Protein backbone atom coordinates (compact mmCIF):
# COMPACT_ATOMS: atom_id res chain seq x y z
CA UNK A 1 73.32 114.52 129.82
CA UNK A 2 71.38 111.46 128.67
CA UNK A 3 73.58 108.48 127.77
CA UNK A 4 70.71 106.10 127.05
CA UNK A 5 69.91 104.94 123.55
CA UNK A 6 66.35 105.39 122.41
CA UNK A 7 64.12 102.36 122.08
CA UNK A 8 64.44 102.61 118.29
CA UNK A 9 68.23 102.63 118.53
CA UNK A 10 68.23 99.63 120.86
CA UNK A 11 66.03 97.68 118.43
CA UNK A 12 68.29 98.72 115.54
CA UNK A 13 71.42 97.64 117.41
CA UNK A 14 69.92 94.26 118.27
CA UNK A 15 68.66 93.72 114.71
CA UNK A 16 71.98 94.57 113.06
CA UNK A 17 73.90 92.45 115.57
CA UNK A 18 71.69 89.43 114.87
CA UNK A 19 72.07 89.97 111.12
CA UNK A 20 75.85 90.20 111.38
CA UNK A 21 76.04 87.03 113.44
CA UNK A 22 73.71 85.00 111.21
CA UNK A 23 74.52 86.32 107.74
CA UNK A 24 78.08 87.70 107.81
CA UNK A 25 80.07 85.71 110.37
CA UNK A 26 79.48 82.32 108.65
CA UNK A 27 80.91 83.59 105.32
CA UNK A 28 83.45 86.22 106.44
CA UNK A 29 86.46 83.91 106.66
CA UNK A 30 85.87 82.30 103.26
CA UNK A 31 85.30 85.65 101.53
CA UNK A 32 88.48 86.99 103.14
CA UNK A 33 90.44 83.94 102.01
CA UNK A 34 89.16 84.20 98.43
CA UNK A 35 89.43 88.01 98.41
CA UNK A 36 85.88 88.05 97.10
CA UNK A 37 83.28 90.82 97.29
CA UNK A 38 79.82 89.41 98.03
CA UNK A 39 76.91 90.93 96.11
CA UNK A 40 74.53 88.78 98.15
CA UNK A 41 75.54 90.07 101.58
CA UNK A 42 75.82 93.62 100.26
CA UNK A 43 72.27 93.55 98.97
CA UNK A 44 71.11 91.83 102.15
CA UNK A 45 72.57 94.77 104.08
CA UNK A 46 70.63 97.01 101.73
CA UNK A 47 67.43 95.08 102.40
CA UNK A 48 68.06 95.62 106.11
CA UNK A 49 68.21 99.37 105.49
CA UNK A 50 71.92 99.91 106.14
CA UNK A 51 72.45 102.21 103.16
CA UNK A 52 71.14 105.77 103.12
CA UNK A 53 70.38 105.62 106.82
CA UNK A 54 70.69 109.41 107.27
CA UNK A 55 69.04 110.23 103.93
CA UNK A 56 65.53 111.65 103.73
CA UNK A 57 62.84 109.10 102.91
CA UNK A 58 61.92 111.15 99.84
CA UNK A 59 65.10 109.86 98.17
CA UNK A 60 64.79 106.28 99.39
CA UNK A 61 66.68 106.71 102.65
CA UNK A 62 65.78 105.72 106.19
CA UNK A 63 65.58 109.25 107.64
CA UNK A 64 67.48 108.28 110.81
CA UNK A 65 69.91 110.28 112.92
CA UNK A 66 73.64 109.94 112.42
CA UNK A 67 74.29 108.04 115.62
CA UNK A 68 71.91 105.29 114.47
CA UNK A 69 74.03 104.92 111.35
CA UNK A 70 77.20 104.80 113.45
CA UNK A 71 75.72 102.15 115.76
CA UNK A 72 75.00 100.02 112.68
CA UNK A 73 78.55 100.36 111.34
CA UNK A 74 79.87 99.46 114.79
CA UNK A 75 77.78 96.28 114.92
CA UNK A 76 78.88 95.12 111.46
CA UNK A 77 82.54 95.86 112.31
CA UNK A 78 82.17 93.80 115.47
CA UNK A 79 81.94 90.79 113.15
CA UNK A 80 83.84 91.75 109.97
CA UNK A 81 85.79 94.79 108.81
CA UNK A 82 85.26 94.23 105.08
CA UNK A 83 81.48 94.37 105.27
CA UNK A 84 81.66 97.33 107.63
CA UNK A 85 83.90 99.10 105.09
CA UNK A 86 81.32 98.51 102.36
CA UNK A 87 78.59 100.09 104.51
CA UNK A 88 80.75 102.93 105.82
CA UNK A 89 82.15 103.94 102.44
CA UNK A 90 78.79 103.37 100.76
CA UNK A 91 77.13 105.84 103.11
CA UNK A 92 79.74 108.42 104.11
CA UNK A 93 81.73 108.60 100.88
CA UNK A 94 79.29 107.37 98.24
CA UNK A 95 75.84 108.56 99.24
CA UNK A 96 76.85 111.48 101.48
CA UNK A 97 78.33 113.87 98.87
CA UNK A 98 75.44 113.37 96.46
CA UNK A 99 72.87 113.86 99.22
CA UNK A 100 74.48 116.95 100.75
CA UNK A 101 75.76 118.71 97.61
CA UNK A 102 73.84 117.27 94.67
CA UNK A 103 71.03 119.07 92.90
CA UNK A 104 67.51 117.70 92.87
CA UNK A 105 67.94 115.91 89.55
CA UNK A 106 71.14 114.19 90.73
CA UNK A 107 69.56 113.11 94.01
CA UNK A 108 66.52 111.60 92.29
CA UNK A 109 68.67 109.95 89.66
CA UNK A 110 71.18 108.22 91.92
CA UNK A 111 70.05 108.04 95.55
CA UNK A 112 67.12 105.58 95.35
CA UNK A 113 69.34 102.77 93.99
CA UNK A 114 72.22 103.65 96.31
CA UNK A 115 69.98 103.74 99.39
CA UNK A 116 68.47 100.36 98.53
CA UNK A 117 71.82 98.60 98.26
CA UNK A 118 71.12 97.68 94.64
CA UNK A 119 74.04 99.88 93.63
CA UNK A 120 77.21 101.36 95.13
CA UNK A 121 79.10 104.60 94.51
CA UNK A 122 82.76 105.46 95.14
CA UNK A 123 84.58 108.66 96.14
CA UNK A 124 87.65 109.26 93.95
CA UNK A 125 89.98 111.31 96.14
CA UNK A 126 93.33 109.60 96.73
CA UNK A 127 95.99 109.53 94.02
CA UNK A 128 99.40 107.88 93.85
CA UNK A 129 101.01 111.26 94.57
CA UNK A 130 98.21 112.81 96.61
CA UNK A 131 97.43 110.83 99.74
CA UNK A 132 97.84 112.89 102.88
CA UNK A 133 98.16 115.92 100.58
CA UNK A 134 94.70 115.20 99.19
CA UNK A 135 94.20 118.80 98.09
CA UNK A 136 96.86 118.51 95.39
CA UNK A 137 95.44 116.08 92.83
CA UNK A 138 96.88 115.83 89.34
CA UNK A 139 93.59 114.65 87.83
CA UNK A 140 92.16 117.42 85.65
CA UNK A 141 88.71 118.23 84.30
CA UNK A 142 88.65 120.77 81.46
CA UNK A 143 85.32 122.17 80.35
CA UNK A 144 84.81 121.98 76.59
CA UNK A 145 81.39 123.30 75.68
CA UNK A 146 78.92 121.22 77.68
CA UNK A 147 81.41 118.47 78.50
CA UNK A 148 84.06 117.92 81.16
CA UNK A 149 87.13 116.20 79.71
CA UNK A 150 88.72 114.30 82.58
CA UNK A 151 92.28 112.94 82.61
CA UNK A 152 94.18 111.35 85.48
CA UNK A 153 94.00 108.47 87.93
CA UNK A 154 92.94 107.56 91.47
CA UNK A 155 93.98 104.73 93.76
CA UNK A 156 92.70 102.85 96.85
CA UNK A 157 89.08 103.78 96.11
CA UNK A 158 86.45 101.72 97.98
CA UNK A 159 83.31 100.43 96.21
CA UNK A 160 84.51 101.79 92.84
CA UNK A 161 84.59 98.61 90.73
CA UNK A 162 82.21 96.23 92.49
CA UNK A 163 79.81 94.41 90.15
CA UNK A 164 76.99 96.68 91.34
CA UNK A 165 78.95 99.97 91.32
CA UNK A 166 77.09 102.71 89.46
CA UNK A 167 79.82 105.37 89.43
CA UNK A 168 82.23 107.53 91.41
CA UNK A 169 82.59 111.12 92.55
CA UNK A 170 85.88 112.47 91.20
CA UNK A 171 87.87 115.31 92.77
CA UNK A 172 89.71 117.13 89.96
CA UNK A 173 91.46 120.36 89.09
CA UNK A 174 89.05 122.49 87.08
CA UNK A 175 91.03 125.72 86.84
CA UNK A 176 92.94 128.37 88.79
CA UNK A 177 91.41 130.69 91.37
CA UNK A 178 91.93 134.44 91.44
CA UNK A 179 94.48 134.07 94.24
CA UNK A 180 96.50 131.72 92.06
CA UNK A 181 95.59 128.56 93.96
CA UNK A 182 94.23 125.46 92.27
CA UNK A 183 90.47 125.30 91.78
CA UNK A 184 89.05 121.92 92.76
CA UNK A 185 85.62 120.56 91.86
CA UNK A 186 83.78 117.27 92.23
CA UNK A 187 82.29 115.55 89.19
CA UNK A 188 80.01 112.52 89.02
CA UNK A 189 81.43 109.88 86.67
CA UNK A 190 79.11 107.03 85.76
CA UNK A 191 80.42 103.54 85.20
CA UNK A 192 80.89 102.53 81.54
CA UNK A 193 81.54 106.12 80.47
CA UNK A 194 84.04 105.93 77.56
CA UNK A 195 87.53 106.77 78.77
CA UNK A 196 86.81 105.71 82.37
CA UNK A 197 88.19 102.40 83.65
CA UNK A 198 88.00 100.99 87.17
CA UNK A 199 90.38 98.12 87.96
CA UNK A 200 89.92 96.01 91.07
CA UNK A 201 92.99 95.82 93.33
CA UNK A 202 94.07 92.50 94.84
CA UNK A 203 96.75 91.31 97.24
CA UNK A 204 95.54 93.42 100.18
CA UNK A 205 96.54 92.57 103.73
CA UNK A 206 93.19 93.75 105.13
CA UNK A 207 89.56 94.27 104.09
CA UNK A 208 90.14 91.52 101.55
CA UNK A 209 86.45 91.07 100.72
CA UNK A 210 85.86 94.81 100.41
CA UNK A 211 86.06 96.22 96.88
CA UNK A 212 89.12 98.45 96.32
CA UNK A 213 90.08 99.92 92.96
CA UNK A 214 92.34 102.02 90.81
CA UNK A 215 90.58 104.49 88.52
CA UNK A 216 91.86 105.71 85.16
CA UNK A 217 90.51 108.61 83.11
CA UNK A 218 91.70 109.03 79.53
CA UNK A 219 89.92 111.90 77.80
CA UNK A 220 86.82 110.78 79.64
CA UNK A 221 83.94 113.01 78.53
CA UNK A 222 81.34 113.68 81.22
CA UNK A 223 78.27 115.93 80.80
CA UNK A 224 78.58 119.41 82.30
CA UNK A 225 75.46 118.72 84.40
CA UNK A 226 77.39 116.07 86.35
CA UNK A 227 79.23 118.77 88.30
CA UNK A 228 78.50 118.20 91.99
CA UNK A 229 77.41 121.43 93.63
CA UNK A 230 79.25 124.63 92.71
CA UNK A 231 82.38 124.70 90.59
CA UNK A 232 85.43 125.39 92.73
CA UNK A 233 83.84 124.08 95.94
CA UNK A 234 85.35 120.62 95.64
CA UNK A 235 87.93 121.07 98.40
CA UNK A 236 85.26 122.24 100.84
CA UNK A 237 83.04 119.29 99.87
CA UNK A 238 85.97 116.92 100.35
CA UNK A 239 86.78 118.22 103.84
CA UNK A 240 83.18 117.97 105.03
CA UNK A 241 82.87 114.50 103.52
CA UNK A 242 86.00 113.40 105.38
CA UNK A 243 84.59 114.75 108.66
CA UNK A 244 81.62 112.40 108.32
CA UNK A 245 83.84 109.59 107.07
CA UNK A 246 86.03 109.87 110.14
CA UNK A 247 83.04 109.09 112.32
CA UNK A 248 82.37 105.89 110.39
CA UNK A 249 86.04 104.88 110.61
CA UNK A 250 85.89 105.52 114.34
CA UNK A 251 82.79 103.31 114.49
CA UNK A 252 84.75 100.57 112.73
CA UNK A 253 87.50 101.00 115.32
CA UNK A 254 85.08 100.72 118.24
CA UNK A 255 83.19 97.82 116.69
CA UNK A 256 86.34 95.98 115.63
CA UNK A 257 87.88 96.45 119.07
CA UNK A 258 84.70 95.14 120.69
CA UNK A 259 84.70 92.11 118.41
CA UNK A 260 88.34 91.30 119.17
CA UNK A 261 87.72 91.81 122.89
CA UNK A 262 84.75 89.42 122.80
CA UNK A 263 86.90 86.77 121.11
CA UNK A 264 89.75 87.30 123.59
CA UNK A 265 87.49 87.17 126.63
CA UNK A 266 85.81 83.97 125.47
CA UNK A 267 89.15 82.33 124.72
CA UNK A 268 90.60 83.45 128.06
CA UNK A 269 87.71 81.79 129.90
CA UNK A 270 87.97 78.56 127.89
CA UNK A 271 91.74 78.09 127.59
CA UNK A 272 93.17 76.22 130.59
CA UNK A 273 96.84 76.35 131.60
CA UNK A 274 98.35 75.31 134.91
CA UNK A 275 94.97 73.88 135.85
CA UNK A 276 92.90 77.07 135.51
CA UNK A 277 91.47 79.38 132.81
CA UNK A 278 94.13 81.83 131.62
CA UNK A 279 91.68 84.72 132.20
CA UNK A 280 91.89 84.07 135.94
CA UNK A 281 95.56 85.03 136.03
CA UNK A 282 95.97 88.64 137.06
CA UNK A 283 98.24 89.52 134.14
CA UNK A 284 95.53 88.48 131.68
CA UNK A 285 92.61 89.80 133.73
CA UNK A 286 94.29 93.22 133.74
CA UNK A 287 94.77 93.04 129.96
CA UNK A 288 91.07 92.46 129.49
CA UNK A 289 90.19 95.21 131.97
CA UNK A 290 92.35 97.72 130.10
CA UNK A 291 90.84 96.64 126.78
CA UNK A 292 87.29 97.12 128.10
CA UNK A 293 88.23 100.53 129.52
CA UNK A 294 89.66 101.85 126.27
CA UNK A 295 86.76 100.56 124.19
CA UNK A 296 84.25 102.30 126.42
CA UNK A 297 86.22 105.57 126.34
CA UNK A 298 86.44 105.43 122.54
CA UNK A 299 82.72 104.74 122.23
CA UNK A 300 81.80 107.69 124.44
CA UNK A 301 84.04 110.03 122.45
CA UNK A 302 82.54 108.80 119.19
CA UNK A 303 78.95 109.13 120.39
CA UNK A 304 79.60 112.66 121.63
CA UNK A 305 80.94 113.60 118.19
CA UNK A 306 77.80 112.11 116.61
CA UNK A 307 75.60 113.99 119.08
CA UNK A 308 77.28 117.24 118.02
CA UNK A 309 76.63 116.44 114.38
CA UNK A 310 73.00 115.48 114.97
CA UNK A 311 72.46 118.75 116.85
CA UNK A 312 74.06 120.89 114.12
CA UNK A 313 77.05 121.82 116.26
CA UNK A 314 80.67 121.93 115.18
CA UNK A 315 82.02 118.39 115.29
CA UNK A 316 85.19 118.46 113.16
CA UNK A 317 87.56 118.42 116.14
CA UNK A 318 85.83 115.54 117.88
CA UNK A 319 85.49 113.63 114.60
CA UNK A 320 89.27 113.76 114.18
CA UNK A 321 89.78 112.86 117.84
CA UNK A 322 87.35 109.95 117.67
CA UNK A 323 88.88 108.63 114.46
CA UNK A 324 92.40 108.86 115.85
CA UNK A 325 91.62 107.40 119.26
CA UNK A 326 89.26 104.62 118.17
CA UNK A 327 91.57 103.39 115.40
CA UNK A 328 94.55 103.29 117.76
CA UNK A 329 92.48 101.69 120.52
CA UNK A 330 91.57 98.90 118.14
CA UNK A 331 95.27 98.48 117.38
CA UNK A 332 96.07 98.00 121.05
CA UNK A 333 93.08 95.75 121.66
CA UNK A 334 93.71 93.40 118.73
CA UNK A 335 97.38 93.16 119.66
CA UNK A 336 96.48 92.01 123.18
CA UNK A 337 93.73 89.76 121.81
CA UNK A 338 96.25 87.92 119.63
CA UNK A 339 98.66 87.76 122.58
CA UNK A 340 95.99 86.12 124.73
CA UNK A 341 95.37 83.55 122.00
CA UNK A 342 99.08 82.70 121.87
CA UNK A 343 100.10 80.69 118.82
CA UNK A 344 96.48 80.10 117.83
CA UNK A 345 96.04 83.83 117.34
CA UNK A 346 98.40 83.60 114.38
CA UNK A 347 96.30 81.02 112.56
CA UNK A 348 93.64 81.90 110.00
CA UNK A 349 91.17 79.45 111.50
CA UNK A 350 90.89 81.85 114.45
CA UNK A 351 88.93 85.03 113.69
CA UNK A 352 91.20 87.24 115.77
CA UNK A 353 93.88 86.91 113.06
CA UNK A 354 91.59 88.71 110.60
CA UNK A 355 90.82 91.45 113.11
CA UNK A 356 94.55 91.95 113.62
CA UNK A 357 95.06 92.53 109.88
CA UNK A 358 91.94 94.63 109.33
CA UNK A 359 92.85 97.13 112.05
CA UNK A 360 95.83 98.58 110.23
CA UNK A 361 93.77 100.31 107.58
CA UNK A 362 92.01 102.40 110.24
CA UNK A 363 95.18 104.30 111.15
CA UNK A 364 95.83 105.08 107.46
CA UNK A 365 92.49 105.48 105.65
CA UNK A 366 90.41 108.70 105.87
CA UNK A 367 93.55 110.50 106.99
CA UNK A 368 96.49 108.89 108.76
CA UNK A 369 96.97 109.12 112.51
CA UNK A 370 99.65 111.71 111.81
CA UNK A 371 97.21 113.83 109.78
CA UNK A 372 94.57 113.52 112.50
CA UNK A 373 97.04 114.91 115.02
CA UNK A 374 97.80 117.77 112.62
CA UNK A 375 94.07 118.48 112.20
CA UNK A 376 93.52 118.43 115.97
CA UNK A 377 96.52 120.67 116.59
CA UNK A 378 95.10 123.22 114.16
CA UNK A 379 91.61 123.07 115.67
CA UNK A 380 92.90 123.65 119.20
CA UNK A 381 94.96 126.61 117.98
CA UNK A 382 98.47 125.18 118.33
CA UNK A 383 99.42 125.41 114.65
C-alpha cells in the first residue's frame, strides 16, 4: 500500500494551508464574535478552487479525486471550523446531489456558479421532528399539473440563507409507495421562489460565522422539471449524500484536532511553570503524545475511506467509522488542549476556546455519534 500523497496533493495541501493562515486566521475570531458570514472569504475560497473539487471540468469543477477535496477541508478546519463548514457543506451537500443525480440541464444551470464560489446551495433534510429519523419528514410536495406545491419546514440547514445562496435541495414526501411506505423525492428550490423563505439562525455555540438557516415552504410552487433525479429515489439520494458528507465531517474532525494540537503544543513549549516549560513535564508530554497518536489514527482511517470511494469500492462502513472516530477524537483533543492552556484556554482571546466550541457539532451533524454506531452495527451484521 502506498501512503504517500502525490506531488499535486502535496502542492494543494501547502497552498490551502498558506491560504488559511493568511486569509482566514486573521479574521476568524472577529467573524466568530460578530456571528457574521463572510462573502469575501467564501469567494476567495472559490477563487482558490475549493468548490466543485470533485466535479468534472465540463461543469466548472476542478476534476480532482475525493481525497484531494478532503485534504483541503482538513487544512481549512485546522484554522477555523466555520469556513471549513462552508466548504464541506457547499461541496458534499450542495454541489454533490446536483452533480450526481441532476440531469444535464440542471447541471449546466447551477454547477458553474456553485463551483466558482459565486453562489452557494443548501441541502434541506433536517426538520424539527425529523433529525436522526431523517427518513420521516413532514414536508410535502404535491404535483399539480406541471408544478410541485411544497409545504413544510426545515431547520439547521447550512448555506441556505447566505447572501450568495442560490437555492436548496428539499427532501419531501411526494406520495405513497406500493408497499405502503412513504415516497420521498428531492426537489430543487431556487431562492426568491414565492412561498419559500429562508431565515438565518443566530445564537449558535459553534460555527458562528457559518450560515445556518430555517426554511419555510407555504404553498411554494416549483416547476416539475426541478425534480432531482427520479421521483421516489429521494431517500436513496439522501443516504448516498450523507455517506460523502460524513467524509467531510471526518476531515473537519481531523483538521480541527490537528489545529488544536498545534496550539496546545506551542503553548506547552512556551508556558513556563516551576522553572521549565510545562510540555517537559511527563504528565503533559504524555497528553500531547496521545493526542498526536489519535489524530494520526483518525487521518489514516479517513484516507482509507476516501481511497475506497476514489476506487469505486464500497465505503459506507468506513465513512461512518471515520466520521464517528474523527469527531470524537477532536473532542478528546480539544478538551486536553484547553486543559493544557489552563485558565487562558477559557478566554476568547485564545483560539483554542473556539476549537472547543466548534467540535461539538461534529458529534451531532451528519448523523449523531449514536446513529453512526447504529449504522456501523448494521453494516457489520450485528443488527
